[in-house]
């Protein structure tokens, strides 16, 4: 399914534009600023965020179950990738949040 066009603002030059994003590594929304030609990365969509949380939860359950059975294990590459994606998503969401006027 194609992503809908979104209104974006380039953090580099401040140019506001509307573009259809493409998926980057770890499924972030990525567009190119038409003014300065820099890549603009936007947060994960809700579906990918849920998938990454589910992967992280399953990896945590597997580690706890194996540890209680006396077999210490580690989350693996998929668990670390999900953690990195969620941390990066939180950082991008905070950077792109619209400040509220009170």
PDB file of N, CA and C in Angstrom:
ATOM      1  N   UNK A   1       0.830  -1.157   0.000  1.00  0.00           N
ATOM      2  CA  UNK A   1       0.000   0.000   0.000  1.00  0.00           C
ATOM      3  C   UNK A   1       0.896   1.248   0.000  1.00  0.00           C
ATOM      4  N   UNK A   2       0.570   2.190  -0.855  1.00  0.00           N
ATOM      5  CA  UNK A   2       1.355   3.414  -0.979  1.00  0.00           C
ATOM      6  C   UNK A   2       1.072   4.347   0.200  1.00  0.00           C
ATOM      7  N   UNK A   3       2.083   5.057   0.589  1.00  0.00           N
ATOM      8  CA  UNK A   3       1.944   6.025   1.668  1.00  0.00           C
ATOM      9  C   UNK A   3       1.273   7.289   1.134  1.00  0.00           C
ATOM     10  N   UNK A   4       0.426   7.927   1.943  1.00  0.00           N
ATOM     11  CA  UNK A   4      -0.193   9.183   1.503  1.00  0.00           C
ATOM     12  C   UNK A   4       0.821  10.330   1.579  1.00  0.00           C
ATOM     13  N   UNK A   5       0.584  11.366   0.800  1.00  0.00           N
ATOM     14  CA  UNK A   5       1.441  12.547   0.843  1.00  0.00           C
ATOM     15  C   UNK A   5       1.287  13.231   2.194  1.00  0.00           C
ATOM     16  N   UNK A   6       2.393  13.749   2.710  1.00  0.00           N
ATOM     17  CA  UNK A   6       2.349  14.440   4.000  1.00  0.00           C
ATOM     18  C   UNK A   6       2.975  15.825   3.858  1.00  0.00           C
ATOM     19  N   UNK A   7       2.544  16.725   4.713  1.00  0.00           N
ATOM     20  CA  UNK A   7       3.135  18.059   4.780  1.00  0.00           C
ATOM     21  C   UNK A   7       4.382  17.954   5.640  1.00  0.00           C
ATOM     22  N   UNK A   8       5.508  18.365   5.086  1.00  0.00           N
ATOM     23  CA  UNK A   8       6.777  18.231   5.791  1.00  0.00           C
ATOM     24  C   UNK A   8       7.487  19.573   5.858  1.00  0.00           C
ATOM     25  N   UNK A   9       8.391  19.665   6.815  1.00  0.00           N
ATOM     26  CA  UNK A   9       9.234  20.845   6.942  1.00  0.00           C
ATOM     27  C   UNK A   9      10.673  20.371   7.074  1.00  0.00           C
ATOM     28  N   UNK A  10      11.525  20.900   6.225  1.00  0.00           N
ATOM     29  CA  UNK A  10      12.931  20.500   6.226  1.00  0.00           C
ATOM     30  C   UNK A  10      13.625  21.075   7.458  1.00  0.00           C
ATOM     31  N   UNK A  11      14.285  20.220   8.266  1.00  0.00           N
ATOM     32  CA  UNK A  11      14.987  20.734   9.441  1.00  0.00           C
ATOM     33  C   UNK A  11      16.265  21.486   9.062  1.00  0.00           C
ATOM     34  N   UNK A  12      16.748  21.284   7.838  1.00  0.00           N
ATOM     35  CA  UNK A  12      17.980  21.920   7.386  1.00  0.00           C
ATOM     36  C   UNK A  12      17.747  23.359   6.919  1.00  0.00           C
ATOM     37  N   UNK A  13      16.778  23.565   6.001  1.00  0.00           N
ATOM     38  CA  UNK A  13      16.567  24.898   5.424  1.00  0.00           C
ATOM     39  C   UNK A  13      15.244  25.530   5.850  1.00  0.00           C
ATOM     40  N   UNK A  14      14.344  24.776   6.496  1.00  0.00           N
ATOM     41  CA  UNK A  14      13.071  25.312   6.956  1.00  0.00           C
ATOM     42  C   UNK A  14      11.990  25.365   5.891  1.00  0.00           C
ATOM     43  N   UNK A  15      12.269  24.861   4.701  1.00  0.00           N
ATOM     44  CA  UNK A  15      11.304  24.882   3.599  1.00  0.00           C
ATOM     45  C   UNK A  15      10.149  23.926   3.903  1.00  0.00           C
ATOM     46  N   UNK A  16       8.913  24.393   3.731  1.00  0.00           N
ATOM     47  CA  UNK A  16       7.736  23.543   3.914  1.00  0.00           C
ATOM     48  C   UNK A  16       7.286  23.046   2.552  1.00  0.00           C
ATOM     49  N   UNK A  17       6.990  21.735   2.483  1.00  0.00           N
ATOM     50  CA  UNK A  17       6.593  21.129   1.219  1.00  0.00           C
ATOM     51  C   UNK A  17       5.679  19.954   1.477  1.00  0.00           C
ATOM     52  N   UNK A  18       5.042  19.465   0.416  1.00  0.00           N
ATOM     53  CA  UNK A  18       4.171  18.289   0.480  1.00  0.00           C
ATOM     54  C   UNK A  18       4.778  17.242  -0.436  1.00  0.00           C
ATOM     55  N   UNK A  19       4.962  16.033   0.087  1.00  0.00           N
ATOM     56  CA  UNK A  19       5.584  14.969  -0.703  1.00  0.00           C
ATOM     57  C   UNK A  19       5.074  13.604  -0.249  1.00  0.00           C
ATOM     58  N   UNK A  20       5.206  12.646  -1.141  1.00  0.00           N
ATOM     59  CA  UNK A  20       4.885  11.255  -0.822  1.00  0.00           C
ATOM     60  C   UNK A  20       6.170  10.609  -0.321  1.00  0.00           C
ATOM     61  N   UNK A  21       6.197  10.139   0.931  1.00  0.00           N
ATOM     62  CA  UNK A  21       7.427   9.554   1.468  1.00  0.00           C
ATOM     63  C   UNK A  21       7.679   8.149   0.933  1.00  0.00           C
ATOM     64  N   UNK A  22       8.935   7.766   0.998  1.00  0.00           N
ATOM     65  CA  UNK A  22       9.351   6.391   0.705  1.00  0.00           C
ATOM     66  C   UNK A  22       9.819   5.789   2.017  1.00  0.00           C
ATOM     67  N   UNK A  23       9.946   4.476   2.046  1.00  0.00           N
ATOM     68  CA  UNK A  23      10.421   3.792   3.256  1.00  0.00           C
ATOM     69  C   UNK A  23      11.945   3.778   3.277  1.00  0.00           C
ATOM     70  N   UNK A  24      12.504   4.133   4.421  1.00  0.00           N
ATOM     71  CA  UNK A  24      13.946   4.055   4.597  1.00  0.00           C
ATOM     72  C   UNK A  24      14.265   2.756   5.334  1.00  0.00           C
ATOM     73  N   UNK A  25      15.514   2.601   5.706  1.00  0.00           N
ATOM     74  CA  UNK A  25      15.917   1.450   6.503  1.00  0.00           C
ATOM     75  C   UNK A  25      15.139   1.473   7.812  1.00  0.00           C
ATOM     76  N   UNK A  26      14.653   0.368   8.252  1.00  0.00           N
ATOM     77  CA  UNK A  26      13.809   0.206   9.431  1.00  0.00           C
ATOM     78  C   UNK A  26      12.427   0.839   9.256  1.00  0.00           C
ATOM     79  N   UNK A  27      12.056   1.177   8.020  1.00  0.00           N
ATOM     80  CA  UNK A  27      10.706   1.627   7.628  1.00  0.00           C
ATOM     81  C   UNK A  27      10.316   3.018   8.095  1.00  0.00           C
ATOM     82  N   UNK A  28      11.276   3.903   8.261  1.00  0.00           N
ATOM     83  CA  UNK A  28      10.947   5.293   8.536  1.00  0.00           C
ATOM     84  C   UNK A  28      10.484   5.944   7.240  1.00  0.00           C
ATOM     85  N   UNK A  29       9.714   7.036   7.357  1.00  0.00           N
ATOM     86  CA  UNK A  29       9.238   7.767   6.189  1.00  0.00           C
ATOM     87  C   UNK A  29      10.313   8.770   5.783  1.00  0.00           C
ATOM     88  N   UNK A  30      10.782   8.672   4.538  1.00  0.00           N
ATOM     89  CA  UNK A  30      11.871   9.528   4.086  1.00  0.00           C
ATOM     90  C   UNK A  30      11.466  10.255   2.810  1.00  0.00           C
ATOM     91  N   UNK A  31      11.750  11.556   2.765  1.00  0.00           N
ATOM     92  CA  UNK A  31      11.494  12.388   1.596  1.00  0.00           C
ATOM     93  C   UNK A  31      12.731  13.228   1.327  1.00  0.00           C
ATOM     94  N   UNK A  32      12.784  13.805   0.145  1.00  0.00           N
ATOM     95  CA  UNK A  32      13.882  14.699  -0.201  1.00  0.00           C
ATOM     96  C   UNK A  32      13.334  16.120  -0.302  1.00  0.00           C
ATOM     97  N   UNK A  33      13.977  17.035   0.370  1.00  0.00           N
ATOM     98  CA  UNK A  33      13.562  18.433   0.333  1.00  0.00           C
ATOM     99  C   UNK A  33      13.794  18.975  -1.073  1.00  0.00           C
ATOM    100  N   UNK A  34      12.766  19.564  -1.693  1.00  0.00           N
ATOM    101  CA  UNK A  34      12.948  20.089  -3.042  1.00  0.00           C
ATOM    102  C   UNK A  34      13.832  21.342  -3.081  1.00  0.00           C
ATOM    103  N   UNK A  35      14.028  21.986  -1.957  1.00  0.00           N
ATOM    104  CA  UNK A  35      14.815  23.209  -1.920  1.00  0.00           C
ATOM    105  C   UNK A  35      16.313  22.932  -1.759  1.00  0.00           C
ATOM    106  N   UNK A  36      16.684  22.191  -0.718  1.00  0.00           N
ATOM    107  CA  UNK A  36      18.110  21.961  -0.434  1.00  0.00           C
ATOM    108  C   UNK A  36      18.590  20.553  -0.784  1.00  0.00           C
ATOM    109  N   UNK A  37      17.688  19.685  -1.204  1.00  0.00           N
ATOM    110  CA  UNK A  37      18.006  18.315  -1.621  1.00  0.00           C
ATOM    111  C   UNK A  37      18.516  17.412  -0.497  1.00  0.00           C
ATOM    112  N   UNK A  38      18.265  17.783   0.745  1.00  0.00           N
ATOM    113  CA  UNK A  38      18.627  16.924   1.889  1.00  0.00           C
ATOM    114  C   UNK A  38      17.488  15.966   2.178  1.00  0.00           C
ATOM    115  N   UNK A  39      17.826  14.808   2.750  1.00  0.00           N
ATOM    116  CA  UNK A  39      16.796  13.843   3.145  1.00  0.00           C
ATOM    117  C   UNK A  39      16.109  14.310   4.424  1.00  0.00           C
ATOM    118  N   UNK A  40      14.782  14.190   4.439  1.00  0.00           N
ATOM    119  CA  UNK A  40      13.971  14.531   5.600  1.00  0.00           C
ATOM    120  C   UNK A  40      13.329  13.231   6.072  1.00  0.00           C
ATOM    121  N   UNK A  41      13.577  12.860   7.325  1.00  0.00           N
ATOM    122  CA  UNK A  41      13.066  11.597   7.866  1.00  0.00           C
ATOM    123  C   UNK A  41      11.956  11.906   8.864  1.00  0.00           C
ATOM    124  N   UNK A  42      10.830  11.228   8.675  1.00  0.00           N
ATOM    125  CA  UNK A  42       9.682  11.386   9.570  1.00  0.00           C
ATOM    126  C   UNK A  42       9.459  10.081  10.326  1.00  0.00           C
ATOM    127  N   UNK A  43       8.692  10.111  11.427  1.00  0.00           N
ATOM    128  CA  UNK A  43       8.531   8.928  12.288  1.00  0.00           C
ATOM    129  C   UNK A  43       7.886   7.732  11.590  1.00  0.00           C
ATOM    130  N   UNK A  44       7.934   6.621  12.293  1.00  0.00           N
ATOM    131  CA  UNK A  44       7.283   5.399  11.827  1.00  0.00           C
ATOM    132  C   UNK A  44       5.772   5.591  11.785  1.00  0.00           C
ATOM    133  N   UNK A  45       5.129   4.843  10.915  1.00  0.00           N
ATOM    134  CA  UNK A  45       3.674   4.830  10.933  1.00  0.00           C
ATOM    135  C   UNK A  45       3.228   3.972  12.117  1.00  0.00           C
ATOM    136  N   UNK A  46       1.968   4.096  12.495  1.00  0.00           N
ATOM    137  CA  UNK A  46       1.450   3.407  13.679  1.00  0.00           C
ATOM    138  C   UNK A  46       1.615   1.888  13.576  1.00  0.00           C
ATOM    139  N   UNK A  47       1.383   1.328  12.403  1.00  0.00           N
ATOM    140  CA  UNK A  47       1.496  -0.120  12.218  1.00  0.00           C
ATOM    141  C   UNK A  47       2.900  -0.633  12.466  1.00  0.00           C
ATOM    142  N   UNK A  48       3.902   0.056  11.927  1.00  0.00           N
ATOM    143  CA  UNK A  48       5.285  -0.378  12.136  1.00  0.00           C
ATOM    144  C   UNK A  48       5.697  -0.198  13.592  1.00  0.00           C
ATOM    145  N   UNK A  49       5.208   0.866  14.232  1.00  0.00           N
ATOM    146  CA  UNK A  49       5.519   1.075  15.648  1.00  0.00           C
ATOM    147  C   UNK A  49       4.972  -0.076  16.488  1.00  0.00           C
ATOM    148  N   UNK A  50       3.762  -0.526  16.190  1.00  0.00           N
ATOM    149  CA  UNK A  50       3.154  -1.655  16.911  1.00  0.00           C
ATOM    150  C   UNK A  50       3.956  -2.931  16.666  1.00  0.00           C
ATOM    151  N   UNK A  51       4.361  -3.157  15.431  1.00  0.00           N
ATOM    152  CA  UNK A  51       5.151  -4.356  15.111  1.00  0.00           C
ATOM    153  C   UNK A  51       6.463  -4.357  15.887  1.00  0.00           C
ATOM    154  N   UNK A  52       7.153  -3.214  15.925  1.00  0.00           N
ATOM    155  CA  UNK A  52       8.421  -3.155  16.658  1.00  0.00           C
ATOM    156  C   UNK A  52       8.218  -3.371  18.154  1.00  0.00           C
ATOM    157  N   UNK A  53       7.155  -2.838  18.725  1.00  0.00           N
ATOM    158  CA  UNK A  53       6.868  -3.091  20.139  1.00  0.00           C
ATOM    159  C   UNK A  53       6.587  -4.573  20.381  1.00  0.00           C
ATOM    160  N   UNK A  54       5.852  -5.214  19.458  1.00  0.00           N
ATOM    161  CA  UNK A  54       5.552  -6.644  19.603  1.00  0.00           C
ATOM    162  C   UNK A  54       6.833  -7.472  19.528  1.00  0.00           C
ATOM    163  N   UNK A  55       7.707  -7.149  18.587  1.00  0.00           N
ATOM    164  CA  UNK A  55       8.988  -7.871  18.466  1.00  0.00           C
ATOM    165  C   UNK A  55       9.795  -7.722  19.745  1.00  0.00           C
ATOM    166  N   UNK A  56       9.857  -6.498  20.257  1.00  0.00           N
ATOM    167  CA  UNK A  56      10.618  -6.256  21.482  1.00  0.00           C
ATOM    168  C   UNK A  56      10.032  -7.023  22.663  1.00  0.00           C
ATOM    169  N   UNK A  57       8.702  -7.033  22.767  1.00  0.00           N
ATOM    170  CA  UNK A  57       8.047  -7.762  23.861  1.00  0.00           C
ATOM    171  C   UNK A  57       8.307  -9.264  23.749  1.00  0.00           C
ATOM    172  N   UNK A  58       8.200  -9.824  22.551  1.00  0.00           N
ATOM    173  CA  UNK A  58       8.456 -11.262  22.370  1.00  0.00           C
ATOM    174  C   UNK A  58       9.897 -11.619  22.676  1.00  0.00           C
ATOM    175  N   UNK A  59      10.826 -10.764  22.278  1.00  0.00           N
ATOM    176  CA  UNK A  59      12.236 -11.020  22.583  1.00  0.00           C
ATOM    177  C   UNK A  59      12.478 -10.970  24.086  1.00  0.00           C
ATOM    178  N   UNK A  60      11.829 -10.034  24.776  1.00  0.00           N
ATOM    179  CA  UNK A  60      11.976  -9.927  26.219  1.00  0.00           C
ATOM    180  C   UNK A  60      11.404 -11.159  26.920  1.00  0.00           C
ATOM    181  N   UNK A  61      10.256 -11.624  26.460  1.00  0.00           N
ATOM    182  CA  UNK A  61       9.655 -12.840  27.033  1.00  0.00           C
ATOM    183  C   UNK A  61      10.583 -14.028  26.822  1.00  0.00           C
ATOM    184  N   UNK A  62      11.153 -14.161  25.622  1.00  0.00           N
ATOM    185  CA  UNK A  62      12.061 -15.278  25.333  1.00  0.00           C
ATOM    186  C   UNK A  62      13.292 -15.229  26.225  1.00  0.00           C
ATOM    187  N   UNK A  63      13.838 -14.047  26.444  1.00  0.00           N
ATOM    188  CA  UNK A  63      15.019 -13.911  27.304  1.00  0.00           C
ATOM    189  C   UNK A  63      14.671 -14.284  28.740  1.00  0.00           C
ATOM    190  N   UNK A  64      13.528 -13.817  29.245  1.00  0.00           N
ATOM    191  CA  UNK A  64      13.130 -14.113  30.626  1.00  0.00           C
ATOM    192  C   UNK A  64      12.850 -15.607  30.798  1.00  0.00           C
ATOM    193  N   UNK A  65      12.137 -16.208  29.850  1.00  0.00           N
ATOM    194  CA  UNK A  65      11.831 -17.645  29.937  1.00  0.00           C
ATOM    195  C   UNK A  65      13.114 -18.466  29.904  1.00  0.00           C
ATOM    196  N   UNK A  66      14.019 -18.154  28.996  1.00  0.00           N
ATOM    197  CA  UNK A  66      15.279 -18.891  28.930  1.00  0.00           C
ATOM    198  C   UNK A  66      16.122 -18.684  30.183  1.00  0.00           C
ATOM    199  N   UNK A  67      16.111 -17.480  30.726  1.00  0.00           N
ATOM    200  CA  UNK A  67      16.879 -17.201  31.931  1.00  0.00           C
ATOM    201  C   UNK A  67      16.325 -17.982  33.124  1.00  0.00           C
ATOM    202  N   UNK A  68      15.003 -18.079  33.239  1.00  0.00           N
ATOM    203  CA  UNK A  68      14.417 -18.831  34.351  1.00  0.00           C
ATOM    204  C   UNK A  68      14.669 -20.327  34.207  1.00  0.00           C
ATOM    205  N   UNK A  69      14.915 -20.783  32.986  1.00  0.00           N
ATOM    206  CA  UNK A  69      15.249 -22.191  32.757  1.00  0.00           C
ATOM    207  C   UNK A  69      16.744 -22.446  32.856  1.00  0.00           C
ATOM    208  N   UNK A  70      17.505 -21.433  33.251  1.00  0.00           N
ATOM    209  CA  UNK A  70      18.936 -21.613  33.444  1.00  0.00           C
ATOM    210  C   UNK A  70      19.746 -21.464  32.175  1.00  0.00           C
ATOM    211  N   UNK A  71      19.171 -20.911  31.135  1.00  0.00           N
ATOM    212  CA  UNK A  71      19.885 -20.720  29.874  1.00  0.00           C
ATOM    213  C   UNK A  71      19.935 -19.234  29.541  1.00  0.00           C
ATOM    214  N   UNK A  72      20.971 -18.544  30.003  1.00  0.00           N
ATOM    215  CA  UNK A  72      21.036 -17.108  29.687  1.00  0.00           C
ATOM    216  C   UNK A  72      21.168 -16.896  28.180  1.00  0.00           C
ATOM    217  N   UNK A  73      20.317 -16.029  27.639  1.00  0.00           N
ATOM    218  CA  UNK A  73      20.349 -15.721  26.207  1.00  0.00           C
ATOM    219  C   UNK A  73      20.304 -14.213  26.018  1.00  0.00           C
ATOM    220  N   UNK A  74      20.473 -13.810  24.778  1.00  0.00           N
ATOM    221  CA  UNK A  74      20.446 -12.406  24.423  1.00  0.00           C
ATOM    222  C   UNK A  74      19.373 -12.192  23.357  1.00  0.00           C
ATOM    223  N   UNK A  75      18.838 -10.973  23.260  1.00  0.00           N
ATOM    224  CA  UNK A  75      17.728 -10.726  22.345  1.00  0.00           C
ATOM    225  C   UNK A  75      18.030 -11.011  20.881  1.00  0.00           C
ATOM    226  N   UNK A  76      19.228 -10.868  20.446  1.00  0.00           N
ATOM    227  CA  UNK A  76      19.557 -11.114  19.050  1.00  0.00           C
ATOM    228  C   UNK A  76      19.448  -9.850  18.218  1.00  0.00           C
ATOM    229  N   UNK A  77      19.799  -9.978  16.959  1.00  0.00           N
ATOM    230  CA  UNK A  77      19.841  -8.837  16.050  1.00  0.00           C
ATOM    231  C   UNK A  77      18.464  -8.207  15.850  1.00  0.00           C
ATOM    232  N   UNK A  78      17.434  -9.027  15.741  1.00  0.00           N
ATOM    233  CA  UNK A  78      16.083  -8.510  15.536  1.00  0.00           C
ATOM    234  C   UNK A  78      15.610  -7.693  16.741  1.00  0.00           C
ATOM    235  N   UNK A  79      15.918  -8.153  17.936  1.00  0.00           N
ATOM    236  CA  UNK A  79      15.544  -7.419  19.142  1.00  0.00           C
ATOM    237  C   UNK A  79      16.276  -6.088  19.248  1.00  0.00           C
ATOM    238  N   UNK A  80      17.567  -6.093  18.926  1.00  0.00           N
ATOM    239  CA  UNK A  80      18.323  -4.843  18.958  1.00  0.00           C
ATOM    240  C   UNK A  80      17.845  -3.880  17.873  1.00  0.00           C
ATOM    241  N   UNK A  81      17.511  -4.400  16.696  1.00  0.00           N
ATOM    242  CA  UNK A  81      17.000  -3.544  15.615  1.00  0.00           C
ATOM    243  C   UNK A  81      15.673  -2.903  16.019  1.00  0.00           C
ATOM    244  N   UNK A  82      14.799  -3.669  16.662  1.00  0.00           N
ATOM    245  CA  UNK A  82      13.522  -3.122  17.123  1.00  0.00           C
ATOM    246  C   UNK A  82      13.750  -2.042  18.171  1.00  0.00           C
ATOM    247  N   UNK A  83      14.680  -2.266  19.083  1.00  0.00           N
ATOM    248  CA  UNK A  83      14.988  -1.276  20.111  1.00  0.00           C
ATOM    249  C   UNK A  83      15.547   0.001  19.488  1.00  0.00           C
ATOM    250  N   UNK A  84      16.471  -0.145  18.553  1.00  0.00           N
ATOM    251  CA  UNK A  84      17.051   1.015  17.870  1.00  0.00           C
ATOM    252  C   UNK A  84      15.965   1.784  17.120  1.00  0.00           C
ATOM    253  N   UNK A  85      15.077   1.063  16.438  1.00  0.00           N
ATOM    254  CA  UNK A  85      14.001   1.715  15.686  1.00  0.00           C
ATOM    255  C   UNK A  85      13.068   2.490  16.608  1.00  0.00           C
ATOM    256  N   UNK A  86      12.725   1.927  17.745  1.00  0.00           N
ATOM    257  CA  UNK A  86      11.819   2.612  18.666  1.00  0.00           C
ATOM    258  C   UNK A  86      12.467   3.834  19.323  1.00  0.00           C
ATOM    259  N   UNK A  87      13.740   3.741  19.642  1.00  0.00           N
ATOM    260  CA  UNK A  87      14.447   4.883  20.225  1.00  0.00           C
ATOM    261  C   UNK A  87      14.573   6.001  19.187  1.00  0.00           C
ATOM    262  N   UNK A  88      14.937   5.632  17.962  1.00  0.00           N
ATOM    263  CA  UNK A  88      15.054   6.624  16.890  1.00  0.00           C
ATOM    264  C   UNK A  88      13.695   7.242  16.568  1.00  0.00           C
ATOM    265  N   UNK A  89      12.637   6.433  16.592  1.00  0.00           N
ATOM    266  CA  UNK A  89      11.294   6.925  16.346  1.00  0.00           C
ATOM    267  C   UNK A  89      10.895   7.955  17.405  1.00  0.00           C
ATOM    268  N   UNK A  90      11.206   7.680  18.660  1.00  0.00           N
ATOM    269  CA  UNK A  90      10.892   8.625  19.733  1.00  0.00           C
ATOM    270  C   UNK A  90      11.649   9.932  19.540  1.00  0.00           C
ATOM    271  N   UNK A  91      12.904   9.840  19.120  1.00  0.00           N
ATOM    272  CA  UNK A  91      13.708  11.039  18.884  1.00  0.00           C
ATOM    273  C   UNK A  91      13.125  11.867  17.733  1.00  0.00           C
ATOM    274  N   UNK A  92      12.753  11.207  16.647  1.00  0.00           N
ATOM    275  CA  UNK A  92      12.194  11.907  15.487  1.00  0.00           C
ATOM    276  C   UNK A  92      10.831  12.498  15.822  1.00  0.00           C
ATOM    277  N   UNK A  93      10.011  11.749  16.553  1.00  0.00           N
ATOM    278  CA  UNK A  93       8.686  12.268  16.936  1.00  0.00           C
ATOM    279  C   UNK A  93       8.813  13.509  17.809  1.00  0.00           C
ATOM    280  N   UNK A  94       9.785  13.508  18.706  1.00  0.00           N
ATOM    281  CA  UNK A  94       9.997  14.668  19.568  1.00  0.00           C
ATOM    282  C   UNK A  94      10.476  15.867  18.747  1.00  0.00           C
ATOM    283  N   UNK A  95      11.338  15.608  17.771  1.00  0.00           N
ATOM    284  CA  UNK A  95      11.878  16.694  16.950  1.00  0.00           C
ATOM    285  C   UNK A  95      10.824  17.282  16.005  1.00  0.00           C
ATOM    286  N   UNK A  96       9.862  16.466  15.570  1.00  0.00           N
ATOM    287  CA  UNK A  96       8.864  16.945  14.615  1.00  0.00           C
ATOM    288  C   UNK A  96       7.555  17.343  15.282  1.00  0.00           C
ATOM    289  N   UNK A  97       7.491  17.272  16.603  1.00  0.00           N
ATOM    290  CA  UNK A  97       6.250  17.615  17.314  1.00  0.00           C
ATOM    291  C   UNK A  97       5.961  19.101  17.159  1.00  0.00           C
ATOM    292  N   UNK A  98       4.697  19.390  16.972  1.00  0.00           N
ATOM    293  CA  UNK A  98       4.252  20.782  16.863  1.00  0.00           C
ATOM    294  C   UNK A  98       4.059  21.314  18.273  1.00  0.00           C
ATOM    295  N   UNK A  99       4.738  22.409  18.614  1.00  0.00           N
ATOM    296  CA  UNK A  99       4.577  22.946  19.970  1.00  0.00           C
ATOM    297  C   UNK A  99       3.144  23.439  20.187  1.00  0.00           C
ATOM    298  N   UNK A 100       2.609  23.122  21.360  1.00  0.00           N
ATOM    299  CA  UNK A 100       1.241  23.545  21.668  1.00  0.00           C
ATOM    300  C   UNK A 100       1.240  24.955  22.220  1.00  0.00           C
ATOM    301  N   UNK A 101       0.229  25.701  21.839  1.00  0.00           N
ATOM    302  CA  UNK A 101       0.081  27.078  22.312  1.00  0.00           C
ATOM    303  C   UNK A 101      -0.867  27.071  23.500  1.00  0.00           C
ATOM    304  N   UNK A 102      -0.412  27.613  24.632  1.00  0.00           N
ATOM    305  CA  UNK A 102      -1.275  27.605  25.817  1.00  0.00           C
ATOM    306  C   UNK A 102      -1.733  28.979  26.200  1.00  0.00           C
TER     307      UNK A 102
END
